C-alpha cells in the first residue's frame, strides 16, 4: 500500500482536507495551533512525504534531517 492510500483511508484530524493529485500523490491540509504534534506525525513517514507549508515547519524538518544525516554518516 502506498503512503497516499494509507493516509487517505484515515481521519487524522477533524480539520483535515485531502485531495488526490493526478500523479497519485496526496495533498493533505490541516488547521493546527502548534507544530510539535504535526512534526512528529510527519517524521513518522520519513522520506515518503514533503511538507509544502508552513515554511517554519519545513525549516524545522530540514534541521532534523541534517542532524539525522550527521548521525548516520
PDB file of N, CA and C in Angstrom:
ATOM      1  N   UNK A   1       0.848  -1.178   0.000  1.00  0.00           N
ATOM      2  CA  UNK A   1       0.000   0.000   0.000  1.00  0.00           C
ATOM      3  C   UNK A   1       0.892   1.240   0.000  1.00  0.00           C
ATOM      4  N   UNK A   2       0.559   2.187  -0.842  1.00  0.00           N
ATOM      5  CA  UNK A   2       1.324   3.423  -0.902  1.00  0.00           C
ATOM      6  C   UNK A   2       0.920   4.346   0.244  1.00  0.00           C
ATOM      7  N   UNK A   3       1.822   5.250   0.606  1.00  0.00           N
ATOM      8  CA  UNK A   3       1.569   6.186   1.701  1.00  0.00           C
ATOM      9  C   UNK A   3       0.314   7.007   1.429  1.00  0.00           C
ATOM     10  N   UNK A   4       0.133   7.472   0.198  1.00  0.00           N
ATOM     11  CA  UNK A   4      -1.041   8.294  -0.134  1.00  0.00           C
ATOM     12  C   UNK A   4      -2.331   7.529   0.147  1.00  0.00           C
ATOM     13  N   UNK A   5      -2.365   6.252  -0.194  1.00  0.00           N
ATOM     14  CA  UNK A   5      -3.554   5.439   0.068  1.00  0.00           C
ATOM     15  C   UNK A   5      -3.770   5.266   1.566  1.00  0.00           C
ATOM     16  N   UNK A   6      -2.692   4.989   2.285  1.00  0.00           N
ATOM     17  CA  UNK A   6      -2.769   4.808   3.734  1.00  0.00           C
ATOM     18  C   UNK A   6      -3.313   6.062   4.411  1.00  0.00           C
ATOM     19  N   UNK A   7      -2.761   7.212   4.057  1.00  0.00           N
ATOM     20  CA  UNK A   7      -3.186   8.469   4.680  1.00  0.00           C
ATOM     21  C   UNK A   7      -4.641   8.774   4.335  1.00  0.00           C
ATOM     22  N   UNK A   8      -5.041   8.513   3.112  1.00  0.00           N
ATOM     23  CA  UNK A   8      -6.402   8.856   2.685  1.00  0.00           C
ATOM     24  C   UNK A   8      -7.469   7.971   3.319  1.00  0.00           C
ATOM     25  N   UNK A   9      -7.085   6.833   3.884  1.00  0.00           N
ATOM     26  CA  UNK A   9      -8.052   5.928   4.492  1.00  0.00           C
ATOM     27  C   UNK A   9      -8.363   6.251   5.945  1.00  0.00           C
ATOM     28  N   UNK A  10      -7.681   7.217   6.518  1.00  0.00           N
ATOM     29  CA  UNK A  10      -7.855   7.510   7.943  1.00  0.00           C
ATOM     30  C   UNK A  10      -8.278   8.953   8.171  1.00  0.00           C
ATOM     31  N   UNK A  11      -8.946   9.166   9.285  1.00  0.00           N
ATOM     32  CA  UNK A  11      -9.215  10.530   9.734  1.00  0.00           C
ATOM     33  C   UNK A  11      -8.143  10.842  10.771  1.00  0.00           C
ATOM     34  N   UNK A  12      -7.237  11.722  10.405  1.00  0.00           N
ATOM     35  CA  UNK A  12      -6.101  12.058  11.259  1.00  0.00           C
ATOM     36  C   UNK A  12      -6.395  13.261  12.140  1.00  0.00           C
ATOM     37  N   UNK A  13      -7.240  14.148  11.654  1.00  0.00           N
ATOM     38  CA  UNK A  13      -7.539  15.384  12.383  1.00  0.00           C
ATOM     39  C   UNK A  13      -8.897  15.883  11.907  1.00  0.00           C
ATOM     40  N   UNK A  14      -9.700  16.470  12.807  1.00  0.00           N
ATOM     41  CA  UNK A  14     -11.030  16.947  12.395  1.00  0.00           C
ATOM     42  C   UNK A  14     -10.998  17.984  11.271  1.00  0.00           C
ATOM     43  N   UNK A  15      -9.912  18.720  11.151  1.00  0.00           N
ATOM     44  CA  UNK A  15      -9.833  19.791  10.147  1.00  0.00           C
ATOM     45  C   UNK A  15      -9.252  19.331   8.809  1.00  0.00           C
ATOM     46  N   UNK A  16      -8.890  18.066   8.695  1.00  0.00           N
ATOM     47  CA  UNK A  16      -8.159  17.620   7.504  1.00  0.00           C
ATOM     48  C   UNK A  16      -8.950  17.783   6.218  1.00  0.00           C
ATOM     49  N   UNK A  17      -8.208  18.156   5.184  1.00  0.00           N
ATOM     50  CA  UNK A  17      -8.737  18.212   3.822  1.00  0.00           C
ATOM     51  C   UNK A  17      -7.739  17.449   2.962  1.00  0.00           C
ATOM     52  N   UNK A  18      -8.192  16.402   2.314  1.00  0.00           N
ATOM     53  CA  UNK A  18      -7.317  15.563   1.499  1.00  0.00           C
ATOM     54  C   UNK A  18      -7.723  15.662   0.039  1.00  0.00           C
ATOM     55  N   UNK A  19      -6.748  15.790  -0.845  1.00  0.00           N
ATOM     56  CA  UNK A  19      -7.015  15.794  -2.285  1.00  0.00           C
ATOM     57  C   UNK A  19      -5.984  14.943  -2.998  1.00  0.00           C
ATOM     58  N   UNK A  20      -6.483  14.029  -3.815  1.00  0.00           N
ATOM     59  CA  UNK A  20      -5.602  13.186  -4.640  1.00  0.00           C
ATOM     60  C   UNK A  20      -5.134  13.994  -5.835  1.00  0.00           C
ATOM     61  N   UNK A  21      -3.864  13.919  -6.137  1.00  0.00           N
ATOM     62  CA  UNK A  21      -3.283  14.608  -7.286  1.00  0.00           C
ATOM     63  C   UNK A  21      -3.208  13.655  -8.476  1.00  0.00           C
ATOM     64  N   UNK A  22      -3.087  14.215  -9.675  1.00  0.00           N
ATOM     65  CA  UNK A  22      -3.059  13.407 -10.902  1.00  0.00           C
ATOM     66  C   UNK A  22      -1.924  12.391 -10.910  1.00  0.00           C
ATOM     67  N   UNK A  23      -0.810  12.735 -10.246  1.00  0.00           N
ATOM     68  CA  UNK A  23       0.346  11.835 -10.236  1.00  0.00           C
ATOM     69  C   UNK A  23       0.233  10.726  -9.184  1.00  0.00           C
ATOM     70  N   UNK A  24      -0.901  10.672  -8.477  1.00  0.00           N
ATOM     71  CA  UNK A  24      -1.101   9.641  -7.460  1.00  0.00           C
ATOM     72  C   UNK A  24      -0.727  10.087  -6.063  1.00  0.00           C
ATOM     73  N   UNK A  25      -0.077  11.236  -5.953  1.00  0.00           N
ATOM     74  CA  UNK A  25       0.274  11.754  -4.635  1.00  0.00           C
ATOM     75  C   UNK A  25      -0.970  12.346  -3.975  1.00  0.00           C
ATOM     76  N   UNK A  26      -0.819  12.731  -2.728  1.00  0.00           N
ATOM     77  CA  UNK A  26      -1.932  13.249  -1.950  1.00  0.00           C
ATOM     78  C   UNK A  26      -1.524  14.566  -1.326  1.00  0.00           C
ATOM     79  N   UNK A  27      -2.409  15.548  -1.378  1.00  0.00           N
ATOM     80  CA  UNK A  27      -2.188  16.800  -0.665  1.00  0.00           C
ATOM     81  C   UNK A  27      -3.094  16.779   0.554  1.00  0.00           C
ATOM     82  N   UNK A  28      -2.494  16.961   1.729  1.00  0.00           N
ATOM     83  CA  UNK A  28      -3.243  16.973   2.983  1.00  0.00           C
ATOM     84  C   UNK A  28      -3.084  18.343   3.626  1.00  0.00           C
ATOM     85  N   UNK A  29      -4.196  18.915   4.039  1.00  0.00           N
ATOM     86  CA  UNK A  29      -4.179  20.211   4.712  1.00  0.00           C
ATOM     87  C   UNK A  29      -4.823  20.059   6.082  1.00  0.00           C
ATOM     88  N   UNK A  30      -4.213  20.713   7.081  1.00  0.00           N
ATOM     89  CA  UNK A  30      -4.719  20.672   8.447  1.00  0.00           C
ATOM     90  C   UNK A  30      -4.668  22.071   9.041  1.00  0.00           C
ATOM     91  N   UNK A  31      -5.630  22.399   9.870  1.00  0.00           N
ATOM     92  CA  UNK A  31      -5.594  23.638  10.646  1.00  0.00           C
ATOM     93  C   UNK A  31      -5.212  23.247  12.061  1.00  0.00           C
ATOM     94  N   UNK A  32      -3.996  23.625  12.459  1.00  0.00           N
ATOM     95  CA  UNK A  32      -3.488  23.256  13.781  1.00  0.00           C
ATOM     96  C   UNK A  32      -2.944  24.492  14.475  1.00  0.00           C
ATOM     97  N   UNK A  33      -2.797  24.402  15.797  1.00  0.00           N
ATOM     98  CA  UNK A  33      -2.302  25.548  16.560  1.00  0.00           C
ATOM     99  C   UNK A  33      -0.800  25.520  16.759  1.00  0.00           C
ATOM    100  N   UNK A  34      -0.216  24.365  16.928  1.00  0.00           N
ATOM    101  CA  UNK A  34       1.223  24.263  17.134  1.00  0.00           C
ATOM    102  C   UNK A  34       1.836  23.280  16.158  1.00  0.00           C
ATOM    103  N   UNK A  35       3.146  23.308  16.060  1.00  0.00           N
ATOM    104  CA  UNK A  35       3.826  22.452  15.089  1.00  0.00           C
ATOM    105  C   UNK A  35       4.336  21.140  15.678  1.00  0.00           C
ATOM    106  N   UNK A  36       4.453  21.054  16.995  1.00  0.00           N
ATOM    107  CA  UNK A  36       5.073  19.880  17.617  1.00  0.00           C
ATOM    108  C   UNK A  36       4.389  18.578  17.244  1.00  0.00           C
ATOM    109  N   UNK A  37       3.074  18.534  17.379  1.00  0.00           N
ATOM    110  CA  UNK A  37       2.351  17.292  17.126  1.00  0.00           C
ATOM    111  C   UNK A  37       2.421  16.890  15.655  1.00  0.00           C
ATOM    112  N   UNK A  38       2.226  17.826  14.765  1.00  0.00           N
ATOM    113  CA  UNK A  38       2.251  17.505  13.329  1.00  0.00           C
ATOM    114  C   UNK A  38       3.669  17.149  12.883  1.00  0.00           C
ATOM    115  N   UNK A  39       4.667  17.769  13.514  1.00  0.00           N
ATOM    116  CA  UNK A  39       6.061  17.483  13.164  1.00  0.00           C
ATOM    117  C   UNK A  39       6.384  16.018  13.451  1.00  0.00           C
ATOM    118  N   UNK A  40       5.973  15.534  14.596  1.00  0.00           N
ATOM    119  CA  UNK A  40       6.221  14.139  14.958  1.00  0.00           C
ATOM    120  C   UNK A  40       5.484  13.207  14.002  1.00  0.00           C
ATOM    121  N   UNK A  41       4.248  13.573  13.645  1.00  0.00           N
ATOM    122  CA  UNK A  41       3.445  12.757  12.730  1.00  0.00           C
ATOM    123  C   UNK A  41       4.120  12.684  11.361  1.00  0.00           C
ATOM    124  N   UNK A  42       4.555  13.825  10.844  1.00  0.00           N
ATOM    125  CA  UNK A  42       5.211  13.872   9.529  1.00  0.00           C
ATOM    126  C   UNK A  42       6.504  13.064   9.548  1.00  0.00           C
ATOM    127  N   UNK A  43       7.289  13.193  10.605  1.00  0.00           N
ATOM    128  CA  UNK A  43       8.548  12.449  10.691  1.00  0.00           C
ATOM    129  C   UNK A  43       8.318  10.943  10.651  1.00  0.00           C
ATOM    130  N   UNK A  44       7.172  10.501  11.106  1.00  0.00           N
ATOM    131  CA  UNK A  44       6.843   9.078  11.074  1.00  0.00           C
ATOM    132  C   UNK A  44       6.761   8.514   9.659  1.00  0.00           C
ATOM    133  N   UNK A  45       6.571   9.379   8.676  1.00  0.00           N
ATOM    134  CA  UNK A  45       6.505   8.940   7.284  1.00  0.00           C
ATOM    135  C   UNK A  45       7.858   9.028   6.591  1.00  0.00           C
ATOM    136  N   UNK A  46       8.877   9.492   7.305  1.00  0.00           N
ATOM    137  CA  UNK A  46      10.228   9.549   6.763  1.00  0.00           C
ATOM    138  C   UNK A  46      10.312  10.344   5.472  1.00  0.00           C
ATOM    139  N   UNK A  47      11.036   9.804   4.506  1.00  0.00           N
ATOM    140  CA  UNK A  47      11.258  10.484   3.227  1.00  0.00           C
ATOM    141  C   UNK A  47      10.092  10.293   2.255  1.00  0.00           C
ATOM    142  N   UNK A  48       8.992   9.718   2.724  1.00  0.00           N
ATOM    143  CA  UNK A  48       7.840   9.473   1.852  1.00  0.00           C
ATOM    144  C   UNK A  48       6.883  10.654   1.758  1.00  0.00           C
ATOM    145  N   UNK A  49       7.168  11.725   2.486  1.00  0.00           N
ATOM    146  CA  UNK A  49       6.292  12.905   2.459  1.00  0.00           C
ATOM    147  C   UNK A  49       7.117  14.172   2.292  1.00  0.00           C
ATOM    148  N   UNK A  50       6.465  15.215   1.819  1.00  0.00           N
ATOM    149  CA  UNK A  50       7.085  16.542   1.729  1.00  0.00           C
ATOM    150  C   UNK A  50       6.101  17.556   2.288  1.00  0.00           C
ATOM    151  N   UNK A  51       6.564  18.365   3.228  1.00  0.00           N
ATOM    152  CA  UNK A  51       5.749  19.451   3.767  1.00  0.00           C
ATOM    153  C   UNK A  51       5.921  20.651   2.845  1.00  0.00           C
ATOM    154  N   UNK A  52       4.822  21.186   2.359  1.00  0.00           N
ATOM    155  CA  UNK A  52       4.865  22.342   1.463  1.00  0.00           C
ATOM    156  C   UNK A  52       4.816  23.651   2.246  1.00  0.00           C
ATOM    157  N   UNK A  53       4.018  23.696   3.286  1.00  0.00           N
ATOM    158  CA  UNK A  53       3.953  24.863   4.153  1.00  0.00           C
ATOM    159  C   UNK A  53       3.335  24.452   5.472  1.00  0.00           C
ATOM    160  N   UNK A  54       3.583  25.179   6.520  1.00  0.00           N
ATOM    161  CA  UNK A  54       4.253  26.471   6.584  1.00  0.00           C
ATOM    162  C   UNK A  54       5.773  26.337   6.492  1.00  0.00           C
ATOM    163  N   UNK A  55       6.393  27.426   6.106  1.00  0.00           N
ATOM    164  CA  UNK A  55       7.852  27.446   5.952  1.00  0.00           C
ATOM    165  C   UNK A  55       8.553  27.103   7.257  1.00  0.00           C
ATOM    166  N   UNK A  56       7.966  27.522   8.373  1.00  0.00           N
ATOM    167  CA  UNK A  56       8.566  27.248   9.680  1.00  0.00           C
ATOM    168  C   UNK A  56       8.684  25.737   9.910  1.00  0.00           C
ATOM    169  N   UNK A  57       7.655  24.998   9.571  1.00  0.00           N
ATOM    170  CA  UNK A  57       7.688  23.541   9.735  1.00  0.00           C
ATOM    171  C   UNK A  57       8.703  22.924   8.781  1.00  0.00           C
ATOM    172  N   UNK A  58       8.738  23.393   7.541  1.00  0.00           N
ATOM    173  CA  UNK A  58       9.744  22.898   6.584  1.00  0.00           C
ATOM    174  C   UNK A  58      11.150  23.105   7.137  1.00  0.00           C
ATOM    175  N   UNK A  59      11.390  24.284   7.716  1.00  0.00           N
ATOM    176  CA  UNK A  59      12.704  24.592   8.274  1.00  0.00           C
ATOM    177  C   UNK A  59      13.068  23.681   9.431  1.00  0.00           C
ATOM    178  N   UNK A  60      12.111  23.447  10.322  1.00  0.00           N
ATOM    179  CA  UNK A  60      12.370  22.564  11.463  1.00  0.00           C
ATOM    180  C   UNK A  60      12.665  21.138  10.995  1.00  0.00           C
ATOM    181  N   UNK A  61      11.921  20.680  10.010  1.00  0.00           N
ATOM    182  CA  UNK A  61      12.156  19.331   9.486  1.00  0.00           C
ATOM    183  C   UNK A  61      13.509  19.237   8.785  1.00  0.00           C
ATOM    184  N   UNK A  62      13.907  20.300   8.115  1.00  0.00           N
ATOM    185  CA  UNK A  62      15.216  20.315   7.457  1.00  0.00           C
ATOM    186  C   UNK A  62      16.330  20.212   8.492  1.00  0.00           C
ATOM    187  N   UNK A  63      16.192  20.947   9.597  1.00  0.00           N
ATOM    188  CA  UNK A  63      17.198  20.881  10.667  1.00  0.00           C
ATOM    189  C   UNK A  63      17.293  19.467  11.230  1.00  0.00           C
ATOM    190  N   UNK A  64      16.165  18.834  11.436  1.00  0.00           N
ATOM    191  CA  UNK A  64      16.156  17.464  11.947  1.00  0.00           C
ATOM    192  C   UNK A  64      16.808  16.521  10.941  1.00  0.00           C
ATOM    193  N   UNK A  65      16.516  16.701   9.655  1.00  0.00           N
ATOM    194  CA  UNK A  65      17.103  15.848   8.611  1.00  0.00           C
ATOM    195  C   UNK A  65      18.626  15.975   8.588  1.00  0.00           C
ATOM    196  N   UNK A  66      19.125  17.185   8.772  1.00  0.00           N
ATOM    197  CA  UNK A  66      20.580  17.401   8.801  1.00  0.00           C
ATOM    198  C   UNK A  66      21.186  16.667   9.991  1.00  0.00           C
ATOM    199  N   UNK A  67      20.538  16.741  11.147  1.00  0.00           N
ATOM    200  CA  UNK A  67      21.038  16.041  12.339  1.00  0.00           C
ATOM    201  C   UNK A  67      21.037  14.530  12.123  1.00  0.00           C
ATOM    202  N   UNK A  68      19.970  14.021  11.515  1.00  0.00           N
ATOM    203  CA  UNK A  68      19.894  12.584  11.243  1.00  0.00           C
ATOM    204  C   UNK A  68      20.995  12.166  10.273  1.00  0.00           C
ATOM    205  N   UNK A  69      21.220  12.979   9.258  1.00  0.00           N
ATOM    206  CA  UNK A  69      22.270  12.668   8.287  1.00  0.00           C
ATOM    207  C   UNK A  69      23.636  12.605   8.967  1.00  0.00           C
ATOM    208  N   UNK A  70      23.895  13.515   9.897  1.00  0.00           N
ATOM    209  CA  UNK A  70      25.179  13.511  10.611  1.00  0.00           C
ATOM    210  C   UNK A  70      25.328  12.250  11.453  1.00  0.00           C
ATOM    211  N   UNK A  71      24.244  11.821  12.074  1.00  0.00           N
ATOM    212  CA  UNK A  71      24.299  10.623  12.907  1.00  0.00           C
ATOM    213  C   UNK A  71      24.643   9.393  12.073  1.00  0.00           C
ATOM    214  N   UNK A  72      24.056   9.288  10.885  1.00  0.00           N
ATOM    215  CA  UNK A  72      24.206   8.084  10.074  1.00  0.00           C
ATOM    216  C   UNK A  72      25.267   8.188   8.987  1.00  0.00           C
ATOM    217  N   UNK A  73      26.048   9.255   9.002  1.00  0.00           N
ATOM    218  CA  UNK A  73      27.119   9.399   8.005  1.00  0.00           C
ATOM    219  C   UNK A  73      28.371   8.680   8.451  1.00  0.00           C
TER     220      UNK A  73
END
